[in-house]
């Protein structure tokens, strides 16, 4: 197995530092020092820190698309598929929360616009998934895909609510209840 490229070293180091200290706090100099590359090497690959951040976010988005493509190939029930998607989104949202994104975006209109476009691209792909599920009869066609996506986002937020979780004997029971609540509204209804 060969040596990783300098670009890979830079990206992996930046991801590690950003997740520990946030986007705002870390400088190009710190990334270069920790990844053992010169600033010239950094600037051969990226225009600036914002360019690096955009690269990382696009990489995350593409990884998410690849993950979803692989998930769609599996022989899962709809409920299992949704559970995996929500768990994946929860994990990614937790990772991204540690980047202190909002703090950084407040200071950079360029990055705020980029992040908004990133979220819109992600939403578009998610809506495509919902429409596919509607065509396959897994989700009621009468429901608007954007409404469904909003409910998924609310479900993920609900899963993080410690006060609600404490009402249950264990966290698994709580998550199951959240899923049961969510599925009541989106599973096809038996017309008989």
N, C-alpha and C. Protein backbone atom coordinates (compact mmCIF):
# COMPACT_ATOMS: atom_id res chain seq x y z
N UNK A 1 0.85 -1.19 0.00
CA UNK A 1 0.00 0.00 0.00
C UNK A 1 0.89 1.24 0.00
N UNK A 2 0.59 2.16 -0.91
CA UNK A 2 1.44 3.34 -1.06
C UNK A 2 1.14 4.42 -0.04
N UNK A 3 2.00 5.40 -0.05
CA UNK A 3 1.87 6.55 0.84
C UNK A 3 0.68 7.40 0.41
N UNK A 4 -0.05 7.95 1.39
CA UNK A 4 -1.16 8.84 1.10
C UNK A 4 -0.62 10.10 0.41
N UNK A 5 -1.47 10.71 -0.40
CA UNK A 5 -1.08 11.95 -1.05
C UNK A 5 -1.05 13.08 -0.04
N UNK A 6 -0.34 14.13 -0.38
CA UNK A 6 -0.27 15.31 0.50
C UNK A 6 -1.67 15.92 0.67
N UNK A 7 -2.44 15.91 -0.41
CA UNK A 7 -3.80 16.45 -0.33
C UNK A 7 -4.62 15.66 0.69
N UNK A 8 -4.51 14.33 0.65
CA UNK A 8 -5.22 13.49 1.61
C UNK A 8 -4.76 13.79 3.03
N UNK A 9 -3.45 13.96 3.21
CA UNK A 9 -2.92 14.32 4.53
C UNK A 9 -3.54 15.62 5.04
N UNK A 10 -3.59 16.60 4.15
CA UNK A 10 -4.16 17.92 4.52
C UNK A 10 -5.62 17.77 4.92
N UNK A 11 -6.40 17.06 4.10
CA UNK A 11 -7.84 16.91 4.33
C UNK A 11 -8.09 16.15 5.63
N UNK A 12 -7.41 15.04 5.83
CA UNK A 12 -7.62 14.25 7.05
C UNK A 12 -7.22 15.03 8.30
N UNK A 13 -6.12 15.76 8.22
CA UNK A 13 -5.68 16.57 9.36
C UNK A 13 -6.69 17.67 9.64
N UNK A 14 -7.16 18.33 8.59
CA UNK A 14 -8.15 19.40 8.76
C UNK A 14 -9.43 18.86 9.39
N UNK A 15 -9.89 17.70 8.92
CA UNK A 15 -11.11 17.11 9.48
C UNK A 15 -10.93 16.83 10.97
N UNK A 16 -9.77 16.31 11.33
CA UNK A 16 -9.50 16.01 12.75
C UNK A 16 -9.47 17.29 13.58
N UNK A 17 -8.76 18.30 13.10
CA UNK A 17 -8.65 19.55 13.84
C UNK A 17 -9.98 20.30 13.90
N UNK A 18 -10.69 20.34 12.78
CA UNK A 18 -11.99 21.02 12.76
C UNK A 18 -12.96 20.36 13.72
N UNK A 19 -12.95 19.02 13.78
CA UNK A 19 -13.89 18.33 14.66
C UNK A 19 -13.56 18.55 16.13
N UNK A 20 -12.29 18.78 16.44
CA UNK A 20 -11.89 19.03 17.83
C UNK A 20 -12.09 20.48 18.24
N UNK A 21 -11.77 21.41 17.33
CA UNK A 21 -11.71 22.82 17.71
C UNK A 21 -12.64 23.74 16.93
N UNK A 22 -13.33 23.23 15.93
CA UNK A 22 -14.23 24.04 15.13
C UNK A 22 -13.55 24.65 13.92
N UNK A 23 -14.38 25.13 13.00
CA UNK A 23 -13.87 25.70 11.76
C UNK A 23 -13.16 27.03 11.97
N UNK A 24 -13.70 27.84 12.84
CA UNK A 24 -13.19 29.20 13.03
C UNK A 24 -11.80 29.22 13.67
N UNK A 25 -11.59 28.39 14.64
CA UNK A 25 -10.38 28.42 15.46
C UNK A 25 -9.12 27.96 14.72
N UNK A 26 -9.24 27.02 13.81
CA UNK A 26 -8.09 26.39 13.15
C UNK A 26 -7.61 27.24 11.97
N UNK A 27 -6.30 27.39 11.87
CA UNK A 27 -5.70 28.17 10.79
C UNK A 27 -5.01 27.25 9.78
N UNK A 28 -4.72 27.80 8.61
CA UNK A 28 -3.97 27.06 7.60
C UNK A 28 -2.61 26.66 8.15
N UNK A 29 -1.99 27.56 8.89
CA UNK A 29 -0.68 27.27 9.47
C UNK A 29 -0.73 26.04 10.38
N UNK A 30 -1.77 25.95 11.22
CA UNK A 30 -1.91 24.79 12.11
C UNK A 30 -2.14 23.50 11.33
N UNK A 31 -2.94 23.59 10.28
CA UNK A 31 -3.20 22.41 9.45
C UNK A 31 -1.90 21.94 8.81
N UNK A 32 -1.13 22.89 8.27
CA UNK A 32 0.15 22.54 7.62
C UNK A 32 1.12 21.91 8.62
N UNK A 33 1.20 22.50 9.80
CA UNK A 33 2.14 22.00 10.80
C UNK A 33 1.77 20.57 11.21
N UNK A 34 0.50 20.35 11.52
CA UNK A 34 0.05 19.04 11.98
C UNK A 34 0.13 17.98 10.88
N UNK A 35 -0.10 18.36 9.62
CA UNK A 35 -0.05 17.40 8.51
C UNK A 35 1.35 17.29 7.90
N UNK A 36 2.27 18.09 8.43
CA UNK A 36 3.67 18.06 7.98
C UNK A 36 3.80 18.37 6.49
N UNK A 37 3.10 19.43 6.08
CA UNK A 37 3.24 19.93 4.71
C UNK A 37 3.53 21.42 4.76
N UNK A 38 4.16 21.91 3.73
CA UNK A 38 4.46 23.34 3.67
C UNK A 38 3.21 24.11 3.26
N UNK A 39 3.24 25.42 3.51
CA UNK A 39 2.11 26.25 3.08
C UNK A 39 2.01 26.23 1.56
N UNK A 40 3.17 26.18 0.88
CA UNK A 40 3.16 26.12 -0.59
C UNK A 40 2.42 24.88 -1.07
N UNK A 41 2.63 23.76 -0.41
CA UNK A 41 1.94 22.53 -0.77
C UNK A 41 0.44 22.68 -0.52
N UNK A 42 0.09 23.27 0.61
CA UNK A 42 -1.32 23.52 0.91
C UNK A 42 -1.95 24.33 -0.22
N UNK A 43 -1.30 25.43 -0.60
CA UNK A 43 -1.87 26.33 -1.60
C UNK A 43 -1.80 25.75 -3.02
N UNK A 44 -1.04 24.68 -3.21
CA UNK A 44 -1.08 23.97 -4.49
C UNK A 44 -2.39 23.20 -4.63
N UNK A 45 -2.99 22.84 -3.51
CA UNK A 45 -4.21 22.04 -3.51
C UNK A 45 -5.47 22.86 -3.22
N UNK A 46 -5.33 23.90 -2.43
CA UNK A 46 -6.49 24.70 -2.01
C UNK A 46 -6.16 26.18 -2.08
N UNK A 47 -7.15 26.98 -2.48
CA UNK A 47 -6.95 28.44 -2.57
C UNK A 47 -6.78 29.07 -1.19
N UNK A 48 -7.53 28.54 -0.21
CA UNK A 48 -7.52 29.09 1.15
C UNK A 48 -8.28 28.11 2.05
N UNK A 49 -8.46 28.49 3.30
CA UNK A 49 -9.16 27.61 4.24
C UNK A 49 -10.60 27.36 3.81
N UNK A 50 -11.28 28.39 3.30
CA UNK A 50 -12.66 28.20 2.84
C UNK A 50 -12.73 27.18 1.71
N UNK A 51 -11.77 27.21 0.81
CA UNK A 51 -11.74 26.25 -0.28
C UNK A 51 -11.59 24.83 0.27
N UNK A 52 -10.75 24.66 1.28
CA UNK A 52 -10.58 23.36 1.93
C UNK A 52 -11.88 22.91 2.60
N UNK A 53 -12.54 23.82 3.29
CA UNK A 53 -13.80 23.49 3.96
C UNK A 53 -14.85 23.07 2.93
N UNK A 54 -14.92 23.78 1.83
CA UNK A 54 -15.86 23.41 0.76
C UNK A 54 -15.55 22.01 0.24
N UNK A 55 -14.28 21.72 0.05
CA UNK A 55 -13.87 20.41 -0.42
C UNK A 55 -14.35 19.31 0.55
N UNK A 56 -14.15 19.57 1.84
CA UNK A 56 -14.55 18.58 2.86
C UNK A 56 -16.06 18.39 2.87
N UNK A 57 -16.82 19.48 2.80
CA UNK A 57 -18.28 19.37 2.80
C UNK A 57 -18.77 18.64 1.55
N UNK A 58 -18.17 18.95 0.40
CA UNK A 58 -18.56 18.24 -0.83
C UNK A 58 -18.22 16.76 -0.74
N UNK A 59 -17.10 16.45 -0.13
CA UNK A 59 -16.70 15.05 0.08
C UNK A 59 -17.73 14.35 0.96
N UNK A 60 -18.16 15.01 2.03
CA UNK A 60 -19.18 14.44 2.92
C UNK A 60 -20.49 14.19 2.17
N UNK A 61 -20.86 15.14 1.32
CA UNK A 61 -22.09 15.01 0.57
C UNK A 61 -22.00 13.84 -0.41
N UNK A 62 -20.88 13.73 -1.12
CA UNK A 62 -20.70 12.63 -2.07
C UNK A 62 -20.66 11.28 -1.35
N UNK A 63 -20.02 11.23 -0.19
CA UNK A 63 -20.01 10.00 0.60
C UNK A 63 -21.43 9.62 1.01
N UNK A 64 -22.23 10.63 1.35
CA UNK A 64 -23.62 10.38 1.71
C UNK A 64 -24.42 9.82 0.55
N UNK A 65 -24.19 10.37 -0.65
CA UNK A 65 -24.87 9.87 -1.84
C UNK A 65 -24.47 8.42 -2.11
N UNK A 66 -23.18 8.12 -2.01
CA UNK A 66 -22.71 6.76 -2.22
C UNK A 66 -23.31 5.81 -1.20
N UNK A 67 -23.38 6.26 0.06
CA UNK A 67 -23.97 5.45 1.12
C UNK A 67 -25.44 5.16 0.81
N UNK A 68 -26.17 6.19 0.36
CA UNK A 68 -27.58 6.02 0.03
C UNK A 68 -27.76 5.08 -1.16
N UNK A 69 -26.89 5.21 -2.17
CA UNK A 69 -26.96 4.30 -3.32
C UNK A 69 -26.79 2.85 -2.88
N UNK A 70 -25.83 2.61 -1.99
CA UNK A 70 -25.59 1.25 -1.49
C UNK A 70 -26.77 0.76 -0.65
N UNK A 71 -27.34 1.65 0.14
CA UNK A 71 -28.49 1.28 0.97
C UNK A 71 -29.67 0.85 0.10
N UNK A 72 -29.88 1.59 -0.99
CA UNK A 72 -31.01 1.28 -1.87
C UNK A 72 -30.86 -0.09 -2.52
N UNK A 73 -29.65 -0.60 -2.62
CA UNK A 73 -29.40 -1.91 -3.23
C UNK A 73 -29.69 -3.06 -2.26
N UNK A 74 -29.76 -2.75 -0.97
CA UNK A 74 -29.97 -3.79 0.04
C UNK A 74 -31.45 -4.20 0.07
N UNK A 75 -31.68 -5.42 0.47
CA UNK A 75 -33.04 -5.93 0.57
C UNK A 75 -33.55 -5.67 1.99
N UNK A 76 -33.98 -4.44 2.23
CA UNK A 76 -34.45 -4.05 3.56
C UNK A 76 -35.91 -3.66 3.50
N UNK A 77 -36.58 -3.82 4.62
CA UNK A 77 -37.94 -3.30 4.71
C UNK A 77 -37.82 -1.78 4.72
N UNK A 78 -38.92 -1.12 4.43
CA UNK A 78 -38.89 0.34 4.43
C UNK A 78 -38.52 0.89 5.81
N UNK A 79 -39.06 0.27 6.84
CA UNK A 79 -38.77 0.73 8.20
C UNK A 79 -37.28 0.59 8.50
N UNK A 80 -36.67 -0.53 8.11
CA UNK A 80 -35.23 -0.72 8.33
C UNK A 80 -34.42 0.31 7.56
N UNK A 81 -34.85 0.58 6.33
CA UNK A 81 -34.15 1.57 5.49
C UNK A 81 -34.19 2.95 6.15
N UNK A 82 -35.37 3.35 6.60
CA UNK A 82 -35.51 4.67 7.24
C UNK A 82 -34.71 4.73 8.54
N UNK A 83 -34.73 3.65 9.32
CA UNK A 83 -33.96 3.63 10.57
C UNK A 83 -32.48 3.84 10.27
N UNK A 84 -31.98 3.19 9.24
CA UNK A 84 -30.57 3.35 8.87
C UNK A 84 -30.28 4.78 8.41
N UNK A 85 -31.19 5.35 7.65
CA UNK A 85 -31.00 6.72 7.17
C UNK A 85 -31.00 7.70 8.33
N UNK A 86 -31.94 7.55 9.23
CA UNK A 86 -32.00 8.48 10.37
C UNK A 86 -30.76 8.33 11.24
N UNK A 87 -30.31 7.10 11.46
CA UNK A 87 -29.10 6.89 12.26
C UNK A 87 -27.89 7.52 11.57
N UNK A 88 -27.81 7.35 10.26
CA UNK A 88 -26.70 7.94 9.49
C UNK A 88 -26.74 9.46 9.58
N UNK A 89 -27.92 10.04 9.38
CA UNK A 89 -28.06 11.49 9.45
C UNK A 89 -27.76 12.01 10.86
N UNK A 90 -28.19 11.27 11.84
CA UNK A 90 -27.92 11.66 13.23
C UNK A 90 -26.41 11.69 13.48
N UNK A 91 -25.73 10.65 13.01
CA UNK A 91 -24.28 10.57 13.18
C UNK A 91 -23.58 11.73 12.47
N UNK A 92 -23.98 12.02 11.24
CA UNK A 92 -23.36 13.10 10.47
C UNK A 92 -23.67 14.45 11.08
N UNK A 93 -24.90 14.62 11.54
CA UNK A 93 -25.27 15.90 12.16
C UNK A 93 -24.47 16.13 13.43
N UNK A 94 -24.24 15.07 14.19
CA UNK A 94 -23.43 15.17 15.40
C UNK A 94 -21.99 15.55 15.06
N UNK A 95 -21.44 14.92 14.02
CA UNK A 95 -20.08 15.25 13.59
C UNK A 95 -20.00 16.71 13.16
N UNK A 96 -20.97 17.16 12.38
CA UNK A 96 -20.93 18.51 11.85
C UNK A 96 -21.20 19.55 12.93
N UNK A 97 -22.00 19.19 13.92
CA UNK A 97 -22.29 20.13 15.01
C UNK A 97 -21.00 20.52 15.72
N UNK A 98 -20.09 19.57 15.85
CA UNK A 98 -18.84 19.86 16.55
C UNK A 98 -17.95 20.82 15.77
N UNK A 99 -18.28 21.07 14.52
CA UNK A 99 -17.47 22.00 13.72
C UNK A 99 -17.80 23.45 14.03
N UNK A 100 -18.80 23.71 14.85
CA UNK A 100 -19.23 25.07 15.18
C UNK A 100 -19.56 25.82 13.88
N UNK A 101 -20.33 25.18 13.03
CA UNK A 101 -20.62 25.72 11.70
C UNK A 101 -21.26 27.09 11.77
N UNK A 102 -22.30 27.24 12.58
CA UNK A 102 -23.02 28.51 12.59
C UNK A 102 -22.12 29.66 13.00
N UNK A 103 -21.25 29.41 13.94
CA UNK A 103 -20.30 30.44 14.40
C UNK A 103 -19.40 30.89 13.24
N UNK A 104 -18.97 29.95 12.44
CA UNK A 104 -18.08 30.26 11.33
C UNK A 104 -18.84 30.93 10.19
N UNK A 105 -20.04 30.46 9.90
CA UNK A 105 -20.82 30.99 8.79
C UNK A 105 -21.25 32.43 9.03
N UNK A 106 -21.45 32.78 10.30
CA UNK A 106 -21.84 34.15 10.63
C UNK A 106 -20.80 35.16 10.17
N UNK A 107 -19.55 34.74 10.11
CA UNK A 107 -18.47 35.65 9.75
C UNK A 107 -18.10 35.61 8.28
N UNK A 108 -18.68 34.69 7.52
CA UNK A 108 -18.28 34.52 6.13
C UNK A 108 -19.50 34.36 5.23
N UNK A 109 -19.96 35.45 4.61
CA UNK A 109 -21.11 35.35 3.70
C UNK A 109 -20.87 34.34 2.57
N UNK A 110 -19.64 34.26 2.08
CA UNK A 110 -19.31 33.29 1.03
C UNK A 110 -19.58 31.87 1.51
N UNK A 111 -19.16 31.57 2.72
CA UNK A 111 -19.35 30.22 3.26
C UNK A 111 -20.81 29.98 3.64
N UNK A 112 -21.49 31.02 4.09
CA UNK A 112 -22.91 30.87 4.42
C UNK A 112 -23.69 30.50 3.15
N UNK A 113 -23.37 31.14 2.04
CA UNK A 113 -24.03 30.83 0.77
C UNK A 113 -23.68 29.41 0.32
N UNK A 114 -22.41 29.04 0.45
CA UNK A 114 -21.99 27.69 0.08
C UNK A 114 -22.73 26.66 0.91
N UNK A 115 -22.81 26.88 2.24
CA UNK A 115 -23.45 25.92 3.13
C UNK A 115 -24.94 25.80 2.81
N UNK A 116 -25.58 26.92 2.46
CA UNK A 116 -26.99 26.88 2.09
C UNK A 116 -27.17 26.02 0.83
N UNK A 117 -26.29 26.20 -0.15
CA UNK A 117 -26.35 25.40 -1.38
C UNK A 117 -26.11 23.92 -1.07
N UNK A 118 -25.19 23.65 -0.16
CA UNK A 118 -24.88 22.28 0.28
C UNK A 118 -26.14 21.63 0.87
N UNK A 119 -26.83 22.36 1.73
CA UNK A 119 -28.04 21.82 2.36
C UNK A 119 -29.14 21.61 1.32
N UNK A 120 -29.25 22.51 0.36
CA UNK A 120 -30.26 22.37 -0.69
C UNK A 120 -29.98 21.15 -1.56
N UNK A 121 -28.72 20.90 -1.89
CA UNK A 121 -28.37 19.71 -2.68
C UNK A 121 -28.71 18.44 -1.91
N UNK A 122 -28.42 18.45 -0.62
CA UNK A 122 -28.73 17.30 0.22
C UNK A 122 -30.24 17.07 0.29
N UNK A 123 -30.99 18.13 0.45
CA UNK A 123 -32.45 18.03 0.51
C UNK A 123 -33.00 17.51 -0.81
N UNK A 124 -32.45 17.98 -1.92
CA UNK A 124 -32.91 17.53 -3.24
C UNK A 124 -32.75 16.02 -3.38
N UNK A 125 -31.60 15.50 -2.97
CA UNK A 125 -31.36 14.06 -3.08
C UNK A 125 -32.31 13.29 -2.15
N UNK A 126 -32.54 13.83 -0.98
CA UNK A 126 -33.45 13.18 -0.04
C UNK A 126 -34.87 13.14 -0.60
N UNK A 127 -35.27 14.21 -1.25
CA UNK A 127 -36.61 14.26 -1.85
C UNK A 127 -36.72 13.25 -2.98
N UNK A 128 -35.64 13.07 -3.74
CA UNK A 128 -35.63 12.04 -4.79
C UNK A 128 -35.86 10.66 -4.18
N UNK A 129 -35.24 10.41 -3.03
CA UNK A 129 -35.43 9.14 -2.34
C UNK A 129 -36.89 8.96 -1.93
N UNK A 130 -37.49 10.02 -1.36
CA UNK A 130 -38.89 9.95 -0.94
C UNK A 130 -39.78 9.66 -2.14
N UNK A 131 -39.54 10.34 -3.24
CA UNK A 131 -40.37 10.12 -4.44
C UNK A 131 -40.23 8.68 -4.95
N UNK A 132 -39.02 8.13 -4.90
CA UNK A 132 -38.82 6.74 -5.29
C UNK A 132 -39.66 5.83 -4.39
N UNK A 133 -39.59 6.09 -3.09
CA UNK A 133 -40.36 5.28 -2.14
C UNK A 133 -41.87 5.43 -2.38
N UNK A 134 -42.30 6.62 -2.75
CA UNK A 134 -43.71 6.81 -3.06
C UNK A 134 -44.11 6.00 -4.29
N UNK A 135 -43.27 6.00 -5.32
CA UNK A 135 -43.55 5.21 -6.52
C UNK A 135 -43.63 3.72 -6.21
N UNK A 136 -42.79 3.27 -5.27
CA UNK A 136 -42.76 1.86 -4.90
C UNK A 136 -43.87 1.49 -3.92
N UNK A 137 -44.67 2.47 -3.52
CA UNK A 137 -45.78 2.21 -2.62
C UNK A 137 -45.38 2.10 -1.15
N UNK A 138 -44.17 2.52 -0.83
CA UNK A 138 -43.69 2.45 0.55
C UNK A 138 -44.13 3.67 1.38
N UNK A 139 -44.42 4.75 0.69
CA UNK A 139 -44.88 5.98 1.34
C UNK A 139 -46.13 6.44 0.60
N UNK A 140 -47.10 6.92 1.34
CA UNK A 140 -48.32 7.43 0.70
C UNK A 140 -47.97 8.55 -0.27
N UNK A 141 -48.48 8.44 -1.47
CA UNK A 141 -48.18 9.44 -2.51
C UNK A 141 -48.83 10.78 -2.21
N UNK A 142 -49.88 10.80 -1.40
CA UNK A 142 -50.59 12.05 -1.11
C UNK A 142 -49.76 13.02 -0.26
N UNK A 143 -48.74 12.51 0.42
CA UNK A 143 -47.93 13.37 1.27
C UNK A 143 -46.86 14.10 0.45
N UNK A 144 -46.68 15.36 0.73
CA UNK A 144 -45.68 16.16 0.02
C UNK A 144 -44.28 15.74 0.49
N UNK A 145 -43.36 15.48 -0.44
CA UNK A 145 -42.01 15.05 -0.06
C UNK A 145 -41.28 16.01 0.89
N UNK A 146 -41.49 17.32 0.72
CA UNK A 146 -40.81 18.28 1.62
C UNK A 146 -41.38 18.18 3.04
N UNK A 147 -42.68 17.90 3.15
CA UNK A 147 -43.27 17.70 4.47
C UNK A 147 -42.65 16.48 5.14
N UNK A 148 -42.49 15.40 4.38
CA UNK A 148 -41.88 14.18 4.92
C UNK A 148 -40.46 14.46 5.40
N UNK A 149 -39.69 15.20 4.61
CA UNK A 149 -38.31 15.51 5.00
C UNK A 149 -38.28 16.35 6.27
N UNK A 150 -39.20 17.27 6.39
CA UNK A 150 -39.28 18.09 7.62
C UNK A 150 -39.58 17.20 8.82
N UNK A 151 -40.46 16.23 8.63
CA UNK A 151 -40.79 15.32 9.72
C UNK A 151 -39.58 14.47 10.10
N UNK A 152 -38.79 14.04 9.11
CA UNK A 152 -37.57 13.28 9.41
C UNK A 152 -36.60 14.14 10.24
N UNK A 153 -36.44 15.40 9.83
CA UNK A 153 -35.52 16.29 10.59
C UNK A 153 -36.03 16.51 12.01
N UNK A 154 -37.34 16.66 12.16
CA UNK A 154 -37.91 16.83 13.50
C UNK A 154 -37.71 15.56 14.32
N UNK A 155 -37.80 14.40 13.67
CA UNK A 155 -37.59 13.13 14.36
C UNK A 155 -36.17 13.04 14.90
N UNK A 156 -35.21 13.43 14.08
CA UNK A 156 -33.81 13.40 14.51
C UNK A 156 -33.61 14.32 15.71
N UNK A 157 -34.21 15.51 15.66
CA UNK A 157 -34.12 16.43 16.81
C UNK A 157 -34.77 15.82 18.04
N UNK A 158 -35.91 15.18 17.83
CA UNK A 158 -36.64 14.58 18.94
C UNK A 158 -35.81 13.49 19.61
N UNK A 159 -35.05 12.74 18.80
CA UNK A 159 -34.23 11.66 19.35
C UNK A 159 -33.16 12.18 20.31
N UNK A 160 -32.82 13.46 20.20
CA UNK A 160 -31.79 14.05 21.05
C UNK A 160 -32.37 14.67 22.32
N UNK A 161 -33.69 14.65 22.46
CA UNK A 161 -34.36 15.28 23.59
C UNK A 161 -34.25 14.39 24.83
N UNK A 162 -33.35 14.76 25.73
CA UNK A 162 -33.09 13.94 26.92
C UNK A 162 -34.30 13.87 27.85
N UNK A 163 -35.04 14.97 27.96
CA UNK A 163 -36.22 14.95 28.84
C UNK A 163 -37.24 13.92 28.37
N UNK A 164 -37.47 13.87 27.06
CA UNK A 164 -38.39 12.86 26.53
C UNK A 164 -37.82 11.46 26.72
N UNK A 165 -36.55 11.30 26.41
CA UNK A 165 -35.90 9.98 26.52
C UNK A 165 -35.99 9.45 27.95
N UNK A 166 -35.90 10.35 28.93
CA UNK A 166 -35.95 9.93 30.34
C UNK A 166 -37.32 9.41 30.77
N UNK A 167 -38.33 9.60 29.94
CA UNK A 167 -39.65 9.07 30.25
C UNK A 167 -39.72 7.56 30.05
N UNK A 168 -38.72 7.00 29.38
CA UNK A 168 -38.72 5.58 29.02
C UNK A 168 -37.70 4.82 29.86
N UNK A 169 -37.92 3.51 29.96
CA UNK A 169 -37.02 2.68 30.75
C UNK A 169 -35.62 2.66 30.16
N UNK A 170 -35.54 2.69 28.83
CA UNK A 170 -34.23 2.74 28.19
C UNK A 170 -34.33 3.50 26.87
N UNK A 171 -33.17 3.87 26.35
CA UNK A 171 -33.12 4.69 25.14
C UNK A 171 -33.68 3.95 23.93
N UNK A 172 -33.47 2.66 23.84
CA UNK A 172 -33.97 1.87 22.72
C UNK A 172 -35.49 1.93 22.66
N UNK A 173 -36.12 1.80 23.81
CA UNK A 173 -37.58 1.88 23.88
C UNK A 173 -38.06 3.26 23.39
N UNK A 174 -37.35 4.29 23.77
CA UNK A 174 -37.68 5.65 23.35
C UNK A 174 -37.57 5.79 21.84
N UNK A 175 -36.48 5.32 21.25
CA UNK A 175 -36.26 5.43 19.81
C UNK A 175 -37.34 4.65 19.06
N UNK A 176 -37.68 3.47 19.56
CA UNK A 176 -38.74 2.69 18.92
C UNK A 176 -40.06 3.45 18.92
N UNK A 177 -40.34 4.11 20.03
CA UNK A 177 -41.57 4.89 20.13
C UNK A 177 -41.56 6.06 19.13
N UNK A 178 -40.43 6.72 19.01
CA UNK A 178 -40.30 7.82 18.05
C UNK A 178 -40.56 7.30 16.64
N UNK A 179 -39.96 6.16 16.29
CA UNK A 179 -40.16 5.58 14.97
C UNK A 179 -41.62 5.19 14.74
N UNK A 180 -42.24 4.57 15.74
CA UNK A 180 -43.64 4.18 15.58
C UNK A 180 -44.51 5.40 15.33
N UNK A 181 -44.21 6.47 16.02
CA UNK A 181 -44.97 7.71 15.81
C UNK A 181 -44.77 8.23 14.40
N UNK A 182 -43.52 8.24 13.95
CA UNK A 182 -43.22 8.72 12.60
C UNK A 182 -43.91 7.87 11.55
N UNK A 183 -43.85 6.56 11.68
CA UNK A 183 -44.38 5.67 10.65
C UNK A 183 -45.89 5.69 10.55
N UNK A 184 -46.58 6.02 11.60
CA UNK A 184 -48.02 6.07 11.51
C UNK A 184 -48.48 7.01 10.40
N UNK A 185 -47.76 8.08 10.21
CA UNK A 185 -48.18 9.08 9.22
C UNK A 185 -47.69 8.85 7.82
N UNK A 186 -46.68 7.99 7.61
CA UNK A 186 -46.14 7.89 6.25
C UNK A 186 -46.32 6.53 5.59
N UNK A 187 -46.62 5.50 6.33
CA UNK A 187 -46.81 4.20 5.69
C UNK A 187 -48.12 4.17 4.91
N UNK A 188 -48.15 3.45 3.79
CA UNK A 188 -49.40 3.36 3.01
C UNK A 188 -50.52 2.78 3.89
N UNK A 189 -51.71 3.29 3.70
CA UNK A 189 -52.85 2.79 4.46
C UNK A 189 -53.56 1.69 3.70
N UNK A 190 -53.99 0.68 4.41
CA UNK A 190 -54.76 -0.40 3.82
C UNK A 190 -56.17 0.13 3.58
N UNK A 191 -56.59 0.15 2.34
CA UNK A 191 -57.90 0.75 1.99
C UNK A 191 -59.08 -0.15 2.38
N UNK A 192 -58.82 -1.41 2.76
CA UNK A 192 -59.91 -2.34 3.08
C UNK A 192 -60.55 -2.03 4.39
